[in-house]
């Protein structure tokens, strides 16, 4: 039997707990827009708070501003987790430009330096 080639994992960046302090706008493929808050964020994706979960696997456009970086990127929605009020749904960036990713990583490092106890569990984010 041949072994399937192993997928190369993206380098994990700094993960910061934001606790809903960063607002984001999602645009669905049908052009409907949803306002949300980011609970956690890394340079590969994050975790957002939603009233109702979105279907796993759909592609949305996400727009938010953190530090000096404005992110506007396609993102894939991952499996949601129910919370006390609504749900927490992870997402993974699909086409984040390298320059924006680098800028986001720098801003997240600054946030980590200001509050080093706010690093998320490595398994909780894409």
PDB file of N, CA and C in Angstrom:
ATOM      1  N   UNK A   1       0.830  -1.196   0.000  1.00  0.00           N
ATOM      2  CA  UNK A   1       0.000   0.000   0.000  1.00  0.00           C
ATOM      3  C   UNK A   1       0.867   1.249   0.000  1.00  0.00           C
ATOM      4  N   UNK A   2       0.470   2.194  -0.763  1.00  0.00           N
ATOM      5  CA  UNK A   2       1.224   3.448  -0.756  1.00  0.00           C
ATOM      6  C   UNK A   2       0.670   4.374   0.307  1.00  0.00           C
ATOM      7  N   UNK A   3       1.552   5.102   0.892  1.00  0.00           N
ATOM      8  CA  UNK A   3       1.144   6.031   1.938  1.00  0.00           C
ATOM      9  C   UNK A   3       0.781   7.363   1.312  1.00  0.00           C
ATOM     10  N   UNK A   4      -0.306   7.965   1.790  1.00  0.00           N
ATOM     11  CA  UNK A   4      -0.720   9.275   1.284  1.00  0.00           C
ATOM     12  C   UNK A   4       0.324  10.310   1.667  1.00  0.00           C
ATOM     13  N   UNK A   5       0.622  11.235   0.749  1.00  0.00           N
ATOM     14  CA  UNK A   5       1.603  12.268   1.111  1.00  0.00           C
ATOM     15  C   UNK A   5       1.095  13.106   2.271  1.00  0.00           C
ATOM     16  N   UNK A   6       1.986  13.402   3.168  1.00  0.00           N
ATOM     17  CA  UNK A   6       1.587  14.190   4.325  1.00  0.00           C
ATOM     18  C   UNK A   6       1.456  15.648   3.914  1.00  0.00           C
ATOM     19  N   UNK A   7       0.388  16.267   4.397  1.00  0.00           N
ATOM     20  CA  UNK A   7       0.183  17.684   4.126  1.00  0.00           C
ATOM     21  C   UNK A   7       1.135  18.491   4.984  1.00  0.00           C
ATOM     22  N   UNK A   8       1.718  19.480   4.379  1.00  0.00           N
ATOM     23  CA  UNK A   8       2.617  20.335   5.143  1.00  0.00           C
ATOM     24  C   UNK A   8       1.790  21.373   5.876  1.00  0.00           C
ATOM     25  N   UNK A   9       1.895  21.395   7.190  1.00  0.00           N
ATOM     26  CA  UNK A   9       1.142  22.345   8.012  1.00  0.00           C
ATOM     27  C   UNK A   9       1.728  23.738   7.890  1.00  0.00           C
ATOM     28  N   UNK A  10       0.829  24.711   7.864  1.00  0.00           N
ATOM     29  CA  UNK A  10       1.286  26.089   7.869  1.00  0.00           C
ATOM     30  C   UNK A  10       1.935  26.383   9.224  1.00  0.00           C
ATOM     31  N   UNK A  11       2.913  27.250   9.202  1.00  0.00           N
ATOM     32  CA  UNK A  11       3.558  27.666  10.438  1.00  0.00           C
ATOM     33  C   UNK A  11       2.529  28.366  11.320  1.00  0.00           C
ATOM     34  N   UNK A  12       2.449  27.933  12.562  1.00  0.00           N
ATOM     35  CA  UNK A  12       1.511  28.556  13.485  1.00  0.00           C
ATOM     36  C   UNK A  12       2.065  29.889  13.948  1.00  0.00           C
ATOM     37  N   UNK A  13       1.221  30.910  13.877  1.00  0.00           N
ATOM     38  CA  UNK A  13       1.617  32.229  14.347  1.00  0.00           C
ATOM     39  C   UNK A  13       1.122  32.457  15.761  1.00  0.00           C
ATOM     40  N   UNK A  14       1.388  33.637  16.257  1.00  0.00           N
ATOM     41  CA  UNK A  14       0.911  34.018  17.587  1.00  0.00           C
ATOM     42  C   UNK A  14      -0.610  34.030  17.588  1.00  0.00           C
ATOM     43  N   UNK A  15      -1.208  33.495  18.638  1.00  0.00           N
ATOM     44  CA  UNK A  15      -2.664  33.481  18.788  1.00  0.00           C
ATOM     45  C   UNK A  15      -3.025  34.344  19.984  1.00  0.00           C
ATOM     46  N   UNK A  16      -3.937  35.271  19.754  1.00  0.00           N
ATOM     47  CA  UNK A  16      -4.291  36.233  20.790  1.00  0.00           C
ATOM     48  C   UNK A  16      -5.773  36.131  21.107  1.00  0.00           C
ATOM     49  N   UNK A  17      -6.098  36.076  22.403  1.00  0.00           N
ATOM     50  CA  UNK A  17      -7.497  36.138  22.835  1.00  0.00           C
ATOM     51  C   UNK A  17      -7.930  37.592  22.817  1.00  0.00           C
ATOM     52  N   UNK A  18      -8.979  37.884  22.058  1.00  0.00           N
ATOM     53  CA  UNK A  18      -9.462  39.260  21.940  1.00  0.00           C
ATOM     54  C   UNK A  18     -10.740  39.488  22.739  1.00  0.00           C
ATOM     55  N   UNK A  19     -11.431  38.421  23.096  1.00  0.00           N
ATOM     56  CA  UNK A  19     -12.631  38.531  23.915  1.00  0.00           C
ATOM     57  C   UNK A  19     -13.735  39.381  23.309  1.00  0.00           C
ATOM     58  N   UNK A  20     -13.796  39.453  21.992  1.00  0.00           N
ATOM     59  CA  UNK A  20     -14.858  40.218  21.349  1.00  0.00           C
ATOM     60  C   UNK A  20     -14.566  41.696  21.193  1.00  0.00           C
ATOM     61  N   UNK A  21     -13.320  42.108  21.462  1.00  0.00           N
ATOM     62  CA  UNK A  21     -13.003  43.536  21.397  1.00  0.00           C
ATOM     63  C   UNK A  21     -12.784  44.045  19.974  1.00  0.00           C
ATOM     64  N   UNK A  22     -12.644  43.129  19.008  1.00  0.00           N
ATOM     65  CA  UNK A  22     -12.444  43.527  17.611  1.00  0.00           C
ATOM     66  C   UNK A  22     -13.695  43.183  16.813  1.00  0.00           C
ATOM     67  N   UNK A  23     -14.275  44.205  16.183  1.00  0.00           N
ATOM     68  CA  UNK A  23     -15.457  43.993  15.347  1.00  0.00           C
ATOM     69  C   UNK A  23     -15.031  43.541  13.960  1.00  0.00           C
ATOM     70  N   UNK A  24     -15.850  42.694  13.339  1.00  0.00           N
ATOM     71  CA  UNK A  24     -15.559  42.212  11.987  1.00  0.00           C
ATOM     72  C   UNK A  24     -16.853  42.184  11.187  1.00  0.00           C
ATOM     73  N   UNK A  25     -16.701  42.257   9.885  1.00  0.00           N
ATOM     74  CA  UNK A  25     -17.829  42.181   8.967  1.00  0.00           C
ATOM     75  C   UNK A  25     -17.594  40.993   8.055  1.00  0.00           C
ATOM     76  N   UNK A  26     -18.606  40.133   7.950  1.00  0.00           N
ATOM     77  CA  UNK A  26     -18.550  38.988   7.046  1.00  0.00           C
ATOM     78  C   UNK A  26     -19.473  39.262   5.869  1.00  0.00           C
ATOM     79  N   UNK A  27     -19.025  38.914   4.682  1.00  0.00           N
ATOM     80  CA  UNK A  27     -19.908  38.986   3.524  1.00  0.00           C
ATOM     81  C   UNK A  27     -20.019  37.584   2.952  1.00  0.00           C
ATOM     82  N   UNK A  28     -21.264  37.082   2.911  1.00  0.00           N
ATOM     83  CA  UNK A  28     -21.517  35.747   2.382  1.00  0.00           C
ATOM     84  C   UNK A  28     -21.512  35.789   0.860  1.00  0.00           C
ATOM     85  N   UNK A  29     -21.523  34.625   0.236  1.00  0.00           N
ATOM     86  CA  UNK A  29     -21.506  34.555  -1.222  1.00  0.00           C
ATOM     87  C   UNK A  29     -22.743  35.187  -1.853  1.00  0.00           C
ATOM     88  N   UNK A  30     -23.875  35.201  -1.122  1.00  0.00           N
ATOM     89  CA  UNK A  30     -25.095  35.827  -1.637  1.00  0.00           C
ATOM     90  C   UNK A  30     -25.137  37.329  -1.359  1.00  0.00           C
ATOM     91  N   UNK A  31     -24.012  37.902  -0.921  1.00  0.00           N
ATOM     92  CA  UNK A  31     -23.822  39.333  -0.629  1.00  0.00           C
ATOM     93  C   UNK A  31     -24.427  39.773   0.703  1.00  0.00           C
ATOM     94  N   UNK A  32     -25.045  38.872   1.449  1.00  0.00           N
ATOM     95  CA  UNK A  32     -25.571  39.207   2.776  1.00  0.00           C
ATOM     96  C   UNK A  32     -24.388  39.489   3.696  1.00  0.00           C
ATOM     97  N   UNK A  33     -24.542  40.495   4.558  1.00  0.00           N
ATOM     98  CA  UNK A  33     -23.474  40.859   5.471  1.00  0.00           C
ATOM     99  C   UNK A  33     -23.877  40.550   6.908  1.00  0.00           C
ATOM    100  N   UNK A  34     -22.906  40.095   7.692  1.00  0.00           N
ATOM    101  CA  UNK A  34     -23.114  39.766   9.099  1.00  0.00           C
ATOM    102  C   UNK A  34     -22.036  40.478   9.906  1.00  0.00           C
ATOM    103  N   UNK A  35     -22.469  41.186  10.937  1.00  0.00           N
ATOM    104  CA  UNK A  35     -21.515  41.806  11.866  1.00  0.00           C
ATOM    105  C   UNK A  35     -21.220  40.815  12.976  1.00  0.00           C
ATOM    106  N   UNK A  36     -19.967  40.760  13.367  1.00  0.00           N
ATOM    107  CA  UNK A  36     -19.543  39.803  14.375  1.00  0.00           C
ATOM    108  C   UNK A  36     -18.387  40.386  15.187  1.00  0.00           C
ATOM    109  N   UNK A  37     -17.961  39.651  16.175  1.00  0.00           N
ATOM    110  CA  UNK A  37     -16.811  40.033  16.995  1.00  0.00           C
ATOM    111  C   UNK A  37     -15.812  38.886  16.966  1.00  0.00           C
ATOM    112  N   UNK A  38     -14.527  39.248  16.950  1.00  0.00           N
ATOM    113  CA  UNK A  38     -13.473  38.236  16.970  1.00  0.00           C
ATOM    114  C   UNK A  38     -13.137  37.893  18.413  1.00  0.00           C
ATOM    115  N   UNK A  39     -13.158  36.610  18.718  1.00  0.00           N
ATOM    116  CA  UNK A  39     -12.843  36.133  20.054  1.00  0.00           C
ATOM    117  C   UNK A  39     -11.356  35.818  20.171  1.00  0.00           C
ATOM    118  N   UNK A  40     -10.796  35.219  19.125  1.00  0.00           N
ATOM    119  CA  UNK A  40      -9.366  34.911  19.077  1.00  0.00           C
ATOM    120  C   UNK A  40      -8.886  35.149  17.649  1.00  0.00           C
ATOM    121  N   UNK A  41      -7.574  35.400  17.497  1.00  0.00           N
ATOM    122  CA  UNK A  41      -7.039  35.694  16.174  1.00  0.00           C
ATOM    123  C   UNK A  41      -5.591  35.242  16.067  1.00  0.00           C
ATOM    124  N   UNK A  42      -5.253  34.690  14.905  1.00  0.00           N
ATOM    125  CA  UNK A  42      -3.871  34.386  14.561  1.00  0.00           C
ATOM    126  C   UNK A  42      -3.668  34.822  13.117  1.00  0.00           C
ATOM    127  N   UNK A  43      -2.468  34.666  12.605  1.00  0.00           N
ATOM    128  CA  UNK A  43      -2.215  35.057  11.216  1.00  0.00           C
ATOM    129  C   UNK A  43      -2.743  34.016  10.233  1.00  0.00           C
ATOM    130  N   UNK A  44      -3.238  32.885  10.735  1.00  0.00           N
ATOM    131  CA  UNK A  44      -3.805  31.843   9.877  1.00  0.00           C
ATOM    132  C   UNK A  44      -5.326  31.793   9.928  1.00  0.00           C
ATOM    133  N   UNK A  45      -5.929  32.399  10.942  1.00  0.00           N
ATOM    134  CA  UNK A  45      -7.380  32.350  11.094  1.00  0.00           C
ATOM    135  C   UNK A  45      -7.791  32.860  12.456  1.00  0.00           C
ATOM    136  N   UNK A  46      -8.958  32.423  12.901  1.00  0.00           N
ATOM    137  CA  UNK A  46      -9.422  32.910  14.190  1.00  0.00           C
ATOM    138  C   UNK A  46     -10.702  32.230  14.630  1.00  0.00           C
ATOM    139  N   UNK A  47     -11.323  32.839  15.623  1.00  0.00           N
ATOM    140  CA  UNK A  47     -12.550  32.331  16.222  1.00  0.00           C
ATOM    141  C   UNK A  47     -13.478  33.523  16.402  1.00  0.00           C
ATOM    142  N   UNK A  48     -14.683  33.435  15.840  1.00  0.00           N
ATOM    143  CA  UNK A  48     -15.611  34.551  15.925  1.00  0.00           C
ATOM    144  C   UNK A  48     -16.888  34.156  16.650  1.00  0.00           C
ATOM    145  N   UNK A  49     -17.539  35.172  17.223  1.00  0.00           N
ATOM    146  CA  UNK A  49     -18.800  34.974  17.937  1.00  0.00           C
ATOM    147  C   UNK A  49     -19.945  35.262  16.962  1.00  0.00           C
ATOM    148  N   UNK A  50     -20.854  34.309  16.824  1.00  0.00           N
ATOM    149  CA  UNK A  50     -22.009  34.471  15.934  1.00  0.00           C
ATOM    150  C   UNK A  50     -23.288  34.092  16.671  1.00  0.00           C
ATOM    151  N   UNK A  51     -24.399  34.750  16.300  1.00  0.00           N
ATOM    152  CA  UNK A  51     -25.694  34.367  16.864  1.00  0.00           C
ATOM    153  C   UNK A  51     -26.087  32.977  16.402  1.00  0.00           C
ATOM    154  N   UNK A  52     -25.945  32.744  15.093  1.00  0.00           N
ATOM    155  CA  UNK A  52     -26.274  31.453  14.494  1.00  0.00           C
ATOM    156  C   UNK A  52     -25.066  30.991  13.698  1.00  0.00           C
ATOM    157  N   UNK A  53     -24.760  29.699  13.768  1.00  0.00           N
ATOM    158  CA  UNK A  53     -23.578  29.210  13.048  1.00  0.00           C
ATOM    159  C   UNK A  53     -23.772  29.257  11.535  1.00  0.00           C
ATOM    160  N   UNK A  54     -22.671  29.391  10.835  1.00  0.00           N
ATOM    161  CA  UNK A  54     -22.664  29.294   9.384  1.00  0.00           C
ATOM    162  C   UNK A  54     -22.284  27.866   9.015  1.00  0.00           C
ATOM    163  N   UNK A  55     -22.639  27.440   7.815  1.00  0.00           N
ATOM    164  CA  UNK A  55     -22.316  26.084   7.384  1.00  0.00           C
ATOM    165  C   UNK A  55     -20.806  25.886   7.318  1.00  0.00           C
ATOM    166  N   UNK A  56     -20.372  24.749   7.802  1.00  0.00           N
ATOM    167  CA  UNK A  56     -18.963  24.401   7.747  1.00  0.00           C
ATOM    168  C   UNK A  56     -18.537  24.288   6.282  1.00  0.00           C
ATOM    169  N   UNK A  57     -17.394  24.865   5.948  1.00  0.00           N
ATOM    170  CA  UNK A  57     -16.856  24.743   4.605  1.00  0.00           C
ATOM    171  C   UNK A  57     -17.195  25.876   3.655  1.00  0.00           C
ATOM    172  N   UNK A  58     -18.160  26.743   4.034  1.00  0.00           N
ATOM    173  CA  UNK A  58     -18.476  27.836   3.118  1.00  0.00           C
ATOM    174  C   UNK A  58     -17.354  28.873   3.139  1.00  0.00           C
ATOM    175  N   UNK A  59     -17.244  29.599   2.036  1.00  0.00           N
ATOM    176  CA  UNK A  59     -16.238  30.645   1.914  1.00  0.00           C
ATOM    177  C   UNK A  59     -16.932  31.994   2.072  1.00  0.00           C
ATOM    178  N   UNK A  60     -16.396  32.827   2.951  1.00  0.00           N
ATOM    179  CA  UNK A  60     -16.923  34.171   3.187  1.00  0.00           C
ATOM    180  C   UNK A  60     -15.790  35.169   2.974  1.00  0.00           C
ATOM    181  N   UNK A  61     -16.139  36.430   2.889  1.00  0.00           N
ATOM    182  CA  UNK A  61     -15.123  37.477   2.905  1.00  0.00           C
ATOM    183  C   UNK A  61     -15.186  38.110   4.282  1.00  0.00           C
ATOM    184  N   UNK A  62     -14.037  38.225   4.931  1.00  0.00           N
ATOM    185  CA  UNK A  62     -13.982  38.790   6.275  1.00  0.00           C
ATOM    186  C   UNK A  62     -13.199  40.099   6.209  1.00  0.00           C
ATOM    187  N   UNK A  63     -13.698  41.089   6.944  1.00  0.00           N
ATOM    188  CA  UNK A  63     -13.075  42.412   6.969  1.00  0.00           C
ATOM    189  C   UNK A  63     -13.015  42.871   8.419  1.00  0.00           C
ATOM    190  N   UNK A  64     -11.800  43.241   8.881  1.00  0.00           N
ATOM    191  CA  UNK A  64     -11.643  43.777  10.237  1.00  0.00           C
ATOM    192  C   UNK A  64     -10.348  44.569  10.306  1.00  0.00           C
ATOM    193  N   UNK A  65     -10.215  45.313  11.392  1.00  0.00           N
ATOM    194  CA  UNK A  65      -9.024  46.140  11.613  1.00  0.00           C
ATOM    195  C   UNK A  65      -8.471  45.811  12.997  1.00  0.00           C
ATOM    196  N   UNK A  66      -7.186  45.506  13.057  1.00  0.00           N
ATOM    197  CA  UNK A  66      -6.531  45.258  14.341  1.00  0.00           C
ATOM    198  C   UNK A  66      -5.151  45.911  14.296  1.00  0.00           C
ATOM    199  N   UNK A  67      -4.845  46.691  15.329  1.00  0.00           N
ATOM    200  CA  UNK A  67      -3.577  47.425  15.343  1.00  0.00           C
ATOM    201  C   UNK A  67      -3.521  48.366  14.157  1.00  0.00           C
ATOM    202  N   UNK A  68      -2.463  48.262  13.353  1.00  0.00           N
ATOM    203  CA  UNK A  68      -2.335  49.112  12.162  1.00  0.00           C
ATOM    204  C   UNK A  68      -2.724  48.358  10.889  1.00  0.00           C
ATOM    205  N   UNK A  69      -3.278  47.155  11.037  1.00  0.00           N
ATOM    206  CA  UNK A  69      -3.568  46.296   9.887  1.00  0.00           C
ATOM    207  C   UNK A  69      -5.062  46.202   9.617  1.00  0.00           C
ATOM    208  N   UNK A  70      -5.430  46.404   8.367  1.00  0.00           N
ATOM    209  CA  UNK A  70      -6.794  46.136   7.923  1.00  0.00           C
ATOM    210  C   UNK A  70      -6.752  44.867   7.103  1.00  0.00           C
ATOM    211  N   UNK A  71      -7.558  43.882   7.503  1.00  0.00           N
ATOM    212  CA  UNK A  71      -7.600  42.595   6.820  1.00  0.00           C
ATOM    213  C   UNK A  71      -8.889  42.502   6.021  1.00  0.00           C
ATOM    214  N   UNK A  72      -8.751  42.166   4.752  1.00  0.00           N
ATOM    215  CA  UNK A  72      -9.885  41.865   3.883  1.00  0.00           C
ATOM    216  C   UNK A  72      -9.480  40.635   3.100  1.00  0.00           C
ATOM    217  N   UNK A  73     -10.089  39.505   3.452  1.00  0.00           N
ATOM    218  CA  UNK A  73      -9.638  38.234   2.895  1.00  0.00           C
ATOM    219  C   UNK A  73     -10.798  37.252   2.803  1.00  0.00           C
ATOM    220  N   UNK A  74     -10.650  36.285   1.934  1.00  0.00           N
ATOM    221  CA  UNK A  74     -11.572  35.151   1.904  1.00  0.00           C
ATOM    222  C   UNK A  74     -11.210  34.256   3.085  1.00  0.00           C
ATOM    223  N   UNK A  75     -12.226  33.625   3.658  1.00  0.00           N
ATOM    224  CA  UNK A  75     -11.995  32.717   4.780  1.00  0.00           C
ATOM    225  C   UNK A  75     -12.945  31.533   4.674  1.00  0.00           C
ATOM    226  N   UNK A  76     -12.462  30.388   5.102  1.00  0.00           N
ATOM    227  CA  UNK A  76     -13.278  29.179   5.131  1.00  0.00           C
ATOM    228  C   UNK A  76     -13.793  28.984   6.548  1.00  0.00           C
ATOM    229  N   UNK A  77     -15.109  28.800   6.673  1.00  0.00           N
ATOM    230  CA  UNK A  77     -15.703  28.576   7.987  1.00  0.00           C
ATOM    231  C   UNK A  77     -15.506  27.112   8.388  1.00  0.00           C
ATOM    232  N   UNK A  78     -15.116  26.909   9.640  1.00  0.00           N
ATOM    233  CA  UNK A  78     -14.890  25.569  10.167  1.00  0.00           C
ATOM    234  C   UNK A  78     -16.039  25.192  11.104  1.00  0.00           C
ATOM    235  N   UNK A  79     -15.954  24.025  11.730  1.00  0.00           N
ATOM    236  CA  UNK A  79     -17.058  23.499  12.542  1.00  0.00           C
ATOM    237  C   UNK A  79     -17.324  24.385  13.770  1.00  0.00           C
ATOM    238  N   UNK A  80     -18.579  24.854  13.943  1.00  0.00           N
ATOM    239  CA  UNK A  80     -18.918  25.746  15.063  1.00  0.00           C
ATOM    240  C   UNK A  80     -19.037  25.014  16.401  1.00  0.00           C
ATOM    241  N   UNK A  81     -18.884  25.796  17.479  1.00  0.00           N
ATOM    242  CA  UNK A  81     -19.050  25.277  18.839  1.00  0.00           C
ATOM    243  C   UNK A  81     -20.108  26.133  19.524  1.00  0.00           C
ATOM    244  N   UNK A  82     -21.105  25.527  20.120  1.00  0.00           N
ATOM    245  CA  UNK A  82     -22.148  26.294  20.799  1.00  0.00           C
ATOM    246  C   UNK A  82     -21.608  26.912  22.070  1.00  0.00           C
ATOM    247  N   UNK A  83     -22.045  28.128  22.329  1.00  0.00           N
ATOM    248  CA  UNK A  83     -21.640  28.860  23.534  1.00  0.00           C
ATOM    249  C   UNK A  83     -22.900  29.317  24.261  1.00  0.00           C
ATOM    250  N   UNK A  84     -22.734  29.985  25.391  1.00  0.00           N
ATOM    251  CA  UNK A  84     -23.888  30.439  26.171  1.00  0.00           C
ATOM    252  C   UNK A  84     -24.805  31.323  25.350  1.00  0.00           C
ATOM    253  N   UNK A  85     -24.230  32.261  24.645  1.00  0.00           N
ATOM    254  CA  UNK A  85     -25.015  33.146  23.779  1.00  0.00           C
ATOM    255  C   UNK A  85     -24.521  32.965  22.353  1.00  0.00           C
ATOM    256  N   UNK A  86     -25.252  32.209  21.558  1.00  0.00           N
ATOM    257  CA  UNK A  86     -24.856  31.986  20.175  1.00  0.00           C
ATOM    258  C   UNK A  86     -23.811  30.900  20.062  1.00  0.00           C
ATOM    259  N   UNK A  87     -22.834  31.125  19.190  1.00  0.00           N
ATOM    260  CA  UNK A  87     -21.797  30.114  18.997  1.00  0.00           C
ATOM    261  C   UNK A  87     -20.452  30.774  18.709  1.00  0.00           C
ATOM    262  N   UNK A  88     -19.428  29.991  18.859  1.00  0.00           N
ATOM    263  CA  UNK A  88     -18.077  30.395  18.479  1.00  0.00           C
ATOM    264  C   UNK A  88     -17.721  29.571  17.255  1.00  0.00           C
ATOM    265  N   UNK A  89     -17.314  30.243  16.180  1.00  0.00           N
ATOM    266  CA  UNK A  89     -17.018  29.518  14.955  1.00  0.00           C
ATOM    267  C   UNK A  89     -15.617  29.869  14.457  1.00  0.00           C
ATOM    268  N   UNK A  90     -14.784  28.848  14.335  1.00  0.00           N
ATOM    269  CA  UNK A  90     -13.444  29.088  13.817  1.00  0.00           C
ATOM    270  C   UNK A  90     -13.466  29.307  12.305  1.00  0.00           C
ATOM    271  N   UNK A  91     -12.433  29.994  11.818  1.00  0.00           N
ATOM    272  CA  UNK A  91     -12.281  30.206  10.381  1.00  0.00           C
ATOM    273  C   UNK A  91     -10.801  30.170  10.032  1.00  0.00           C
ATOM    274  N   UNK A  92     -10.536  29.904   8.757  1.00  0.00           N
ATOM    275  CA  UNK A  92      -9.167  29.842   8.246  1.00  0.00           C
ATOM    276  C   UNK A  92      -9.065  30.776   7.048  1.00  0.00           C
ATOM    277  N   UNK A  93      -8.050  31.659   7.044  1.00  0.00           N
ATOM    278  CA  UNK A  93      -7.844  32.541   5.900  1.00  0.00           C
ATOM    279  C   UNK A  93      -7.514  31.707   4.668  1.00  0.00           C
ATOM    280  N   UNK A  94      -8.063  32.107   3.512  1.00  0.00           N
ATOM    281  CA  UNK A  94      -7.821  31.384   2.266  1.00  0.00           C
ATOM    282  C   UNK A  94      -6.865  32.103   1.328  1.00  0.00           C
ATOM    283  N   UNK A  95      -6.897  33.425   1.280  1.00  0.00           N
ATOM    284  CA  UNK A  95      -6.065  34.151   0.312  1.00  0.00           C
ATOM    285  C   UNK A  95      -5.433  35.403   0.906  1.00  0.00           C
ATOM    286  N   UNK A  96      -5.022  35.310   2.149  1.00  0.00           N
ATOM    287  CA  UNK A  96      -4.413  36.465   2.812  1.00  0.00           C
ATOM    288  C   UNK A  96      -3.058  36.759   2.166  1.00  0.00           C
ATOM    289  N   UNK A  97      -2.893  37.974   1.675  1.00  0.00           N
ATOM    290  CA  UNK A  97      -1.646  38.362   1.018  1.00  0.00           C
ATOM    291  C   UNK A  97      -0.494  38.306   2.015  1.00  0.00           C
ATOM    292  N   UNK A  98       0.690  37.992   1.522  1.00  0.00           N
ATOM    293  CA  UNK A  98       1.863  37.860   2.392  1.00  0.00           C
ATOM    294  C   UNK A  98       2.162  39.143   3.166  1.00  0.00           C
ATOM    295  N   UNK A  99       2.024  40.289   2.495  1.00  0.00           N
ATOM    296  CA  UNK A  99       2.307  41.571   3.158  1.00  0.00           C
ATOM    297  C   UNK A  99       1.326  41.817   4.306  1.00  0.00           C
ATOM    298  N   UNK A 100       0.056  41.494   4.080  1.00  0.00           N
ATOM    299  CA  UNK A 100      -0.966  41.680   5.122  1.00  0.00           C
ATOM    300  C   UNK A 100      -0.732  40.683   6.254  1.00  0.00           C
ATOM    301  N   UNK A 101      -0.384  39.447   5.899  1.00  0.00           N
ATOM    302  CA  UNK A 101      -0.108  38.430   6.922  1.00  0.00           C
ATOM    303  C   UNK A 101       1.063  38.875   7.807  1.00  0.00           C
ATOM    304  N   UNK A 102       2.123  39.398   7.198  1.00  0.00           N
ATOM    305  CA  UNK A 102       3.276  39.872   7.953  1.00  0.00           C
ATOM    306  C   UNK A 102       2.915  41.019   8.873  1.00  0.00           C
ATOM    307  N   UNK A 103       2.124  41.963   8.366  1.00  0.00           N
ATOM    308  CA  UNK A 103       1.683  43.096   9.172  1.00  0.00           C
ATOM    309  C   UNK A 103       0.807  42.626  10.336  1.00  0.00           C
ATOM    310  N   UNK A 104      -0.084  41.674  10.061  1.00  0.00           N
ATOM    311  CA  UNK A 104      -0.957  41.122  11.102  1.00  0.00           C
ATOM    312  C   UNK A 104      -0.128  40.416  12.169  1.00  0.00           C
ATOM    313  N   UNK A 105       0.874  39.643  11.749  1.00  0.00           N
ATOM    314  CA  UNK A 105       1.742  38.953  12.714  1.00  0.00           C
ATOM    315  C   UNK A 105       2.441  39.954  13.631  1.00  0.00           C
ATOM    316  N   UNK A 106       2.910  41.050  13.062  1.00  0.00           N
ATOM    317  CA  UNK A 106       3.578  42.074  13.868  1.00  0.00           C
ATOM    318  C   UNK A 106       2.610  42.697  14.883  1.00  0.00           C
ATOM    319  N   UNK A 107       1.393  43.011  14.436  1.00  0.00           N
ATOM    320  CA  UNK A 107       0.397  43.591  15.351  1.00  0.00           C
ATOM    321  C   UNK A 107       0.013  42.604  16.445  1.00  0.00           C
ATOM    322  N   UNK A 108      -0.078  41.318  16.109  1.00  0.00           N
ATOM    323  CA  UNK A 108      -0.416  40.318  17.125  1.00  0.00           C
ATOM    324  C   UNK A 108       0.721  40.165  18.137  1.00  0.00           C
ATOM    325  N   UNK A 109       1.966  40.255  17.675  1.00  0.00           N
ATOM    326  CA  UNK A 109       3.108  40.194  18.597  1.00  0.00           C
ATOM    327  C   UNK A 109       3.077  41.364  19.572  1.00  0.00           C
ATOM    328  N   UNK A 110       2.698  42.533  19.074  1.00  0.00           N
ATOM    329  CA  UNK A 110       2.589  43.711  19.947  1.00  0.00           C
ATOM    330  C   UNK A 110       1.505  43.484  20.997  1.00  0.00           C
ATOM    331  N   UNK A 111       0.358  42.941  20.565  1.00  0.00           N
ATOM    332  CA  UNK A 111      -0.725  42.646  21.518  1.00  0.00           C
ATOM    333  C   UNK A 111      -0.272  41.623  22.554  1.00  0.00           C
ATOM    334  N   UNK A 112       0.499  40.625  22.130  1.00  0.00           N
ATOM    335  CA  UNK A 112       0.996  39.610  23.063  1.00  0.00           C
ATOM    336  C   UNK A 112       1.968  40.205  24.071  1.00  0.00           C
ATOM    337  N   UNK A 113       2.792  41.140  23.606  1.00  0.00           N
ATOM    338  CA  UNK A 113       3.756  41.787  24.503  1.00  0.00           C
ATOM    339  C   UNK A 113       3.017  42.588  25.573  1.00  0.00           C
ATOM    340  N   UNK A 114       1.900  43.232  25.180  1.00  0.00           N
ATOM    341  CA  UNK A 114       1.113  44.031  26.125  1.00  0.00           C
ATOM    342  C   UNK A 114       0.363  43.160  27.125  1.00  0.00           C
ATOM    343  N   UNK A 115      -0.040  41.959  26.712  1.00  0.00           N
ATOM    344  CA  UNK A 115      -0.805  41.065  27.586  1.00  0.00           C
ATOM    345  C   UNK A 115      -0.373  39.625  27.335  1.00  0.00           C
ATOM    346  N   UNK A 116       0.805  39.216  27.832  1.00  0.00           N
ATOM    347  CA  UNK A 116       1.344  37.898  27.519  1.00  0.00           C
ATOM    348  C   UNK A 116       0.506  36.733  28.025  1.00  0.00           C
ATOM    349  N   UNK A 117      -0.392  36.934  28.958  1.00  0.00           N
ATOM    350  CA  UNK A 117      -1.231  35.851  29.456  1.00  0.00           C
ATOM    351  C   UNK A 117      -2.393  35.545  28.542  1.00  0.00           C
ATOM    352  N   UNK A 118      -2.531  36.272  27.444  1.00  0.00           N
ATOM    353  CA  UNK A 118      -3.680  36.099  26.563  1.00  0.00           C
ATOM    354  C   UNK A 118      -3.377  35.265  25.329  1.00  0.00           C
ATOM    355  N   UNK A 119      -2.492  34.305  25.445  1.00  0.00           N
ATOM    356  CA  UNK A 119      -2.202  33.415  24.327  1.00  0.00           C
ATOM    357  C   UNK A 119      -3.215  32.282  24.368  1.00  0.00           C
ATOM    358  N   UNK A 120      -3.822  31.971  23.229  1.00  0.00           N
ATOM    359  CA  UNK A 120      -4.816  30.905  23.155  1.00  0.00           C
ATOM    360  C   UNK A 120      -4.129  29.549  23.128  1.00  0.00           C
ATOM    361  N   UNK A 121      -4.870  28.515  23.488  1.00  0.00           N
ATOM    362  CA  UNK A 121      -4.401  27.157  23.396  1.00  0.00           C
ATOM    363  C   UNK A 121      -4.101  26.849  21.928  1.00  0.00           C
ATOM    364  N   UNK A 122      -2.957  26.242  21.661  1.00  0.00           N
ATOM    365  CA  UNK A 122      -2.517  26.016  20.285  1.00  0.00           C
ATOM    366  C   UNK A 122      -3.503  25.179  19.487  1.00  0.00           C
ATOM    367  N   UNK A 123      -4.221  24.278  20.121  1.00  0.00           N
ATOM    368  CA  UNK A 123      -5.146  23.404  19.397  1.00  0.00           C
ATOM    369  C   UNK A 123      -6.462  24.082  19.058  1.00  0.00           C
ATOM    370  N   UNK A 124      -6.716  25.249  19.556  1.00  0.00           N
ATOM    371  CA  UNK A 124      -8.049  25.848  19.385  1.00  0.00           C
ATOM    372  C   UNK A 124      -8.215  26.659  18.125  1.00  0.00           C
ATOM    373  N   UNK A 125      -7.141  26.938  17.401  1.00  0.00           N
ATOM    374  CA  UNK A 125      -7.241  27.753  16.189  1.00  0.00           C
ATOM    375  C   UNK A 125      -6.574  27.075  15.018  1.00  0.00           C
ATOM    376  N   UNK A 126      -7.031  27.445  13.831  1.00  0.00           N
ATOM    377  CA  UNK A 126      -6.382  26.908  12.639  1.00  0.00           C
ATOM    378  C   UNK A 126      -4.976  27.453  12.492  1.00  0.00           C
TER     379      UNK A 126
END
